[in-house]
Amino acid sequence: MPQLGLRWPGYRKVRRLVGKRLDRRLSELGLANLSAYRAFLSREPEEWSRLDAICHIPISRFYRDRRVFDLIGQRILPEVVAAAVARGDATARCWSAGCASGEEPYTIALICRHSADPACQNVHIVATDADATMLARATSACYSRSSLKELPRAWIETDFIPADELLCLRPAIRRNVVFALEDIRHVMPDGLFDLILCRNLVFTYFDEDLQRDILLHFRTKLREGGFLVVGMHEALPPSIDGFEHVVANLPIYRRK
């Protein structure tokens, strides 16, 4: 789908889900098949935004990929905070790109809260997503227990408040995360960052040209020595220089 900058191979594991959404949309429009929908897109260009929303895959949970977040807590956050202090900044800055309903940036906030290094409290987290519905859920910060299953039990007991069938994150932890409605294909937050997390989005679902373009922008958004974290099954386009792999078998890169 070049109009959206997406690539169908990236949807290999979720094609059935997207197919069901498309079937539902065709039924709403009274269209018989995808050929009719293609013609409809040609006649009604505003439908492309609806198709784009259909293709969003907001699958997330707290502490997803434990080894990655363990390393972030044990090594990366202390390192970027120390670098911020050395250059005279009060805080280090983290950006969670494609944050969905907030599990990823809140995981960073929880790691900071429970870090043995008091300086790790000084991390400001910006979280962006193109889906307003997902951001509304993130702002409410209330989750099912299944979304929290990989968190340490002690964190769940101390940092969440039961609310009917859900568990809501305490305000003291939420206040370090600022959410913004932004589509990474068109806009990125202001300023430089010490850590960028862009997992299971750009380097899975976007086409190769768009991947390269966004990675170049990441390079300008990361401070020298800053870290970029992508999904466990993702890799950076080989044609872009300026990043070095930090740890074998983990998708964590440092800006040279």
Protein backbone atom coordinates (compact mmCIF):
# COMPACT_ATOMS: atom_id res chain seq x y z
CA MET A 1 0.00 0.00 0.00
CA PRO A 2 2.37 2.72 -1.20
CA GLN A 3 -0.15 5.49 -0.53
CA LEU A 4 0.12 4.69 3.19
CA GLY A 5 3.78 3.72 3.24
CA LEU A 6 2.90 0.22 4.45
CA ARG A 7 4.11 -3.18 3.27
CA TRP A 8 1.91 -6.27 3.25
CA PRO A 9 4.69 -8.75 4.24
CA GLY A 10 4.89 -7.03 7.61
CA TYR A 11 1.35 -8.16 8.34
CA ARG A 12 2.22 -11.84 7.99
CA LYS A 13 1.17 -12.73 11.55
CA VAL A 14 -1.91 -10.50 11.69
CA ARG A 15 -3.39 -10.84 8.21
CA ARG A 16 -6.48 -12.62 9.53
CA LEU A 17 -7.17 -9.73 11.92
CA VAL A 18 -6.79 -7.11 9.18
CA GLY A 19 -8.89 -9.26 6.84
CA LYS A 20 -11.76 -9.35 9.35
CA ARG A 21 -11.60 -5.59 9.74
CA LEU A 22 -11.69 -5.13 5.96
CA ASP A 23 -14.65 -7.51 5.64
CA ARG A 24 -16.51 -5.48 8.27
CA ARG A 25 -15.75 -2.23 6.44
CA LEU A 26 -16.90 -3.66 3.09
CA SER A 27 -20.13 -4.73 4.74
CA GLU A 28 -20.65 -1.22 6.14
CA LEU A 29 -20.16 0.26 2.66
CA GLY A 30 -22.26 -2.38 0.89
CA LEU A 31 -19.33 -3.44 -1.31
CA ALA A 32 -19.04 -6.96 -2.70
CA ASN A 33 -15.27 -7.46 -2.69
CA LEU A 34 -11.84 -5.85 -2.51
CA SER A 35 -11.94 -4.87 -6.18
CA ALA A 36 -15.03 -2.82 -5.46
CA TYR A 37 -13.29 -1.33 -2.43
CA ARG A 38 -10.28 -0.39 -4.55
CA ALA A 39 -12.59 1.46 -6.92
CA PHE A 40 -14.26 3.13 -3.94
CA LEU A 41 -10.86 4.35 -2.72
CA SER A 42 -10.26 5.92 -6.12
CA ARG A 43 -13.59 7.75 -5.96
CA GLU A 44 -13.43 8.69 -2.29
CA PRO A 45 -9.84 9.60 -1.34
CA GLU A 46 -10.85 10.39 2.26
CA GLU A 47 -11.40 6.64 2.71
CA TRP A 48 -7.62 6.16 2.76
CA SER A 49 -7.51 7.47 6.31
CA ARG A 50 -10.12 4.88 7.31
CA LEU A 51 -8.09 2.12 5.65
CA ASP A 52 -5.01 3.39 7.46
CA ALA A 53 -6.84 3.05 10.79
CA ILE A 54 -7.88 -0.49 9.86
CA CYS A 55 -4.21 -1.35 9.40
CA HIS A 56 -3.12 -0.18 12.85
CA ILE A 57 -2.06 -3.13 15.03
CA PRO A 58 -1.91 -1.86 18.64
CA ILE A 59 -0.72 -5.06 20.35
CA SER A 60 1.10 -4.26 23.57
CA ARG A 61 1.55 -5.21 27.20
CA PHE A 62 3.71 -4.17 30.13
CA TYR A 63 7.33 -5.37 30.17
CA ARG A 64 6.95 -7.08 26.80
CA ASP A 65 10.25 -8.81 25.98
CA ARG A 66 11.69 -9.03 29.49
CA ARG A 67 15.35 -9.25 28.46
CA VAL A 68 15.09 -5.94 26.63
CA PHE A 69 13.55 -4.09 29.56
CA ASP A 70 15.91 -5.71 32.04
CA LEU A 71 18.83 -4.27 30.07
CA ILE A 72 17.13 -0.90 29.81
CA GLY A 73 16.76 -0.79 33.57
CA GLN A 74 20.14 -2.21 34.51
CA ARG A 75 22.36 -0.44 31.99
CA ILE A 76 20.76 1.98 29.57
CA LEU A 77 18.77 4.24 31.88
CA PRO A 78 21.62 4.69 34.40
CA GLU A 79 23.97 5.44 31.51
CA VAL A 80 21.77 8.05 29.81
CA VAL A 81 20.93 9.70 33.13
CA ALA A 82 24.64 9.91 34.00
CA ALA A 83 25.30 11.45 30.58
CA ALA A 84 22.52 14.00 31.16
CA VAL A 85 23.99 14.97 34.53
CA ALA A 86 27.46 15.28 32.97
CA ARG A 87 26.22 17.75 30.36
CA GLY A 88 24.29 19.73 32.99
CA ASP A 89 20.72 18.65 32.16
CA ALA A 90 18.21 18.06 34.94
CA THR A 91 16.60 15.11 33.16
CA ALA A 92 17.24 12.53 30.47
CA ARG A 93 14.60 12.33 27.72
CA CYS A 94 12.94 9.17 26.42
CA TRP A 95 10.55 8.88 23.47
CA SER A 96 8.16 5.95 23.04
CA ALA A 97 7.10 6.08 19.36
CA GLY A 98 3.90 4.22 18.51
CA CYS A 99 3.01 3.83 22.18
CA ALA A 100 -0.51 2.40 21.56
CA SER A 101 -2.39 2.33 24.90
CA GLY A 102 0.63 3.30 26.97
CA GLU A 103 2.04 0.05 28.30
CA GLU A 104 5.53 0.69 26.96
CA PRO A 105 6.13 4.24 28.27
CA TYR A 106 4.55 3.33 31.60
CA THR A 107 6.91 0.35 31.81
CA ILE A 108 9.82 2.78 31.51
CA ALA A 109 8.26 4.95 34.23
CA LEU A 110 7.90 1.90 36.50
CA ILE A 111 11.50 0.85 35.88
CA CYS A 112 12.62 4.36 36.83
CA ARG A 113 10.52 4.28 39.99
CA HIS A 114 11.99 0.97 41.15
CA SER A 115 15.57 1.59 40.06
CA ALA A 116 18.26 1.21 42.71
CA ASP A 117 19.86 4.35 41.23
CA PRO A 118 17.98 7.41 42.59
CA ALA A 119 19.13 9.46 39.60
CA CYS A 120 16.94 7.29 37.35
CA GLN A 121 13.93 9.14 38.74
CA ASN A 122 15.01 12.02 36.50
CA VAL A 123 13.71 10.65 33.20
CA HIS A 124 11.08 12.53 31.21
CA ILE A 125 9.06 10.32 28.86
CA VAL A 126 7.28 11.49 25.70
CA ALA A 127 4.88 8.97 24.16
CA THR A 128 3.27 9.40 20.73
CA ASP A 129 0.76 7.49 18.64
CA ALA A 130 -1.43 8.17 15.59
CA ASP A 131 -4.55 6.61 17.13
CA ALA A 132 -6.62 8.91 19.35
CA THR A 133 -8.59 5.99 20.80
CA MET A 134 -5.40 4.29 21.95
CA LEU A 135 -4.13 7.52 23.50
CA ALA A 136 -7.40 7.95 25.40
CA ARG A 137 -6.86 4.51 26.92
CA ALA A 138 -3.27 5.42 27.71
CA THR A 139 -4.35 8.58 29.48
CA SER A 140 -6.86 6.65 31.60
CA ALA A 141 -4.02 4.20 32.50
CA CYS A 142 -6.38 1.36 33.44
CA TYR A 143 -5.57 -2.15 32.23
CA SER A 144 -6.68 -5.75 32.41
CA ARG A 145 -4.63 -8.14 34.51
CA SER A 146 -3.52 -9.98 31.37
CA SER A 147 -1.73 -6.83 30.19
CA LEU A 148 0.27 -6.76 33.43
CA LYS A 149 1.20 -10.43 33.63
CA GLU A 150 4.91 -9.91 32.92
CA LEU A 151 5.38 -7.22 35.58
CA PRO A 152 6.88 -8.17 38.96
CA ARG A 153 4.05 -8.97 41.34
CA ALA A 154 5.35 -6.44 43.88
CA TRP A 155 5.01 -3.65 41.32
CA ILE A 156 1.41 -4.59 40.61
CA GLU A 157 0.60 -4.58 44.30
CA THR A 158 2.23 -1.22 45.04
CA ASP A 159 1.72 0.77 41.84
CA PHE A 160 -1.79 -0.11 40.67
CA ILE A 161 -5.22 0.55 42.17
CA PRO A 162 -8.06 -1.96 41.57
CA ALA A 163 -11.04 -0.48 39.69
CA ASP A 164 -13.76 -3.05 39.02
CA GLU A 165 -12.14 -5.60 36.69
CA LEU A 166 -9.20 -3.33 35.83
CA LEU A 167 -6.03 -2.13 37.51
CA CYS A 168 -5.20 1.59 37.26
CA LEU A 169 -1.71 3.01 37.48
CA ARG A 170 -1.16 5.43 40.35
CA PRO A 171 -0.97 9.14 39.40
CA ALA A 172 2.53 9.51 40.87
CA ILE A 173 3.87 7.23 38.13
CA ARG A 174 1.70 8.56 35.33
CA ARG A 175 2.85 12.16 35.74
CA ASN A 176 6.28 11.47 34.21
CA VAL A 177 4.71 10.46 30.87
CA VAL A 178 3.37 13.04 28.40
CA PHE A 179 1.22 11.75 25.51
CA ALA A 180 0.81 13.39 22.10
CA LEU A 181 -1.28 12.52 19.04
CA GLU A 182 1.33 12.30 16.28
CA ASP A 183 1.77 10.15 13.20
CA ILE A 184 5.45 9.31 12.98
CA ARG A 185 5.22 9.32 9.17
CA HIS A 186 4.55 13.06 9.24
CA VAL A 187 5.74 14.59 12.52
CA MET A 188 8.04 13.88 15.45
CA PRO A 189 8.27 15.52 18.88
CA ASP A 190 10.55 18.48 19.41
CA GLY A 191 14.01 18.26 20.91
CA LEU A 192 16.70 15.63 21.31
CA PHE A 193 16.35 12.31 23.10
CA ASP A 194 18.68 10.03 25.01
CA LEU A 195 16.55 6.94 24.38
CA ILE A 196 14.03 6.17 21.63
CA LEU A 197 11.84 3.08 21.67
CA CYS A 198 10.15 2.27 18.35
CA ARG A 199 9.11 -1.35 18.64
CA ASN A 200 6.94 -3.42 16.31
CA LEU A 201 5.88 -0.51 14.12
CA VAL A 202 8.20 1.17 11.62
CA PHE A 203 10.52 -1.76 10.93
CA THR A 204 7.66 -4.26 10.67
CA TYR A 205 4.78 -2.54 8.90
CA PHE A 206 6.32 0.36 6.94
CA ASP A 207 7.82 -0.01 3.49
CA GLU A 208 11.59 0.11 3.04
CA ASP A 209 11.77 3.68 1.74
CA LEU A 210 9.79 4.95 4.71
CA GLN A 211 11.88 2.88 7.11
CA ARG A 212 15.05 4.51 5.82
CA ASP A 213 13.52 7.98 5.96
CA ILE A 214 12.34 7.57 9.56
CA LEU A 215 15.64 6.04 10.66
CA LEU A 216 17.46 9.08 9.27
CA HIS A 217 15.16 11.27 11.36
CA PHE A 218 15.83 9.09 14.41
CA ARG A 219 19.53 9.71 13.88
CA THR A 220 18.94 13.46 14.10
CA LYS A 221 16.64 13.05 17.12
CA LEU A 222 19.09 10.95 19.16
CA ARG A 223 21.94 12.52 21.04
CA GLU A 224 25.36 11.11 20.26
CA GLY A 225 25.70 7.96 22.34
CA GLY A 226 21.91 7.72 22.71
CA PHE A 227 20.05 4.44 22.31
CA LEU A 228 17.44 3.17 19.86
CA VAL A 229 15.36 0.10 20.79
CA VAL A 230 13.31 -1.74 18.16
CA GLY A 231 11.22 -4.92 18.23
CA MET A 232 12.68 -8.35 18.97
CA HIS A 233 12.10 -9.50 15.39
CA GLU A 234 13.08 -6.25 13.71
CA ALA A 235 16.36 -4.97 12.29
CA LEU A 236 17.54 -1.61 11.02
CA PRO A 237 17.85 -1.03 7.26
CA PRO A 238 21.47 -1.86 6.39
CA SER A 239 21.88 1.14 4.12
CA ILE A 240 21.81 3.67 6.99
CA ASP A 241 25.06 4.28 8.85
CA GLY A 242 25.46 5.83 12.28
CA PHE A 243 24.23 3.05 14.59
CA GLU A 244 26.05 0.20 16.29
CA HIS A 245 24.53 -2.93 17.76
CA VAL A 246 24.92 -2.87 21.55
CA VAL A 247 24.21 -6.45 22.64
CA ALA A 248 24.07 -9.61 20.54
CA ASN A 249 20.57 -11.08 20.17
CA LEU A 250 18.88 -7.95 21.49
CA PRO A 251 17.48 -5.20 19.21
CA ILE A 252 19.26 -2.30 20.92
CA TYR A 253 21.43 0.15 19.02
CA ARG A 254 23.58 3.12 19.98
CA ARG A 255 24.02 6.23 17.87
CA LYS A 256 27.70 6.49 17.06
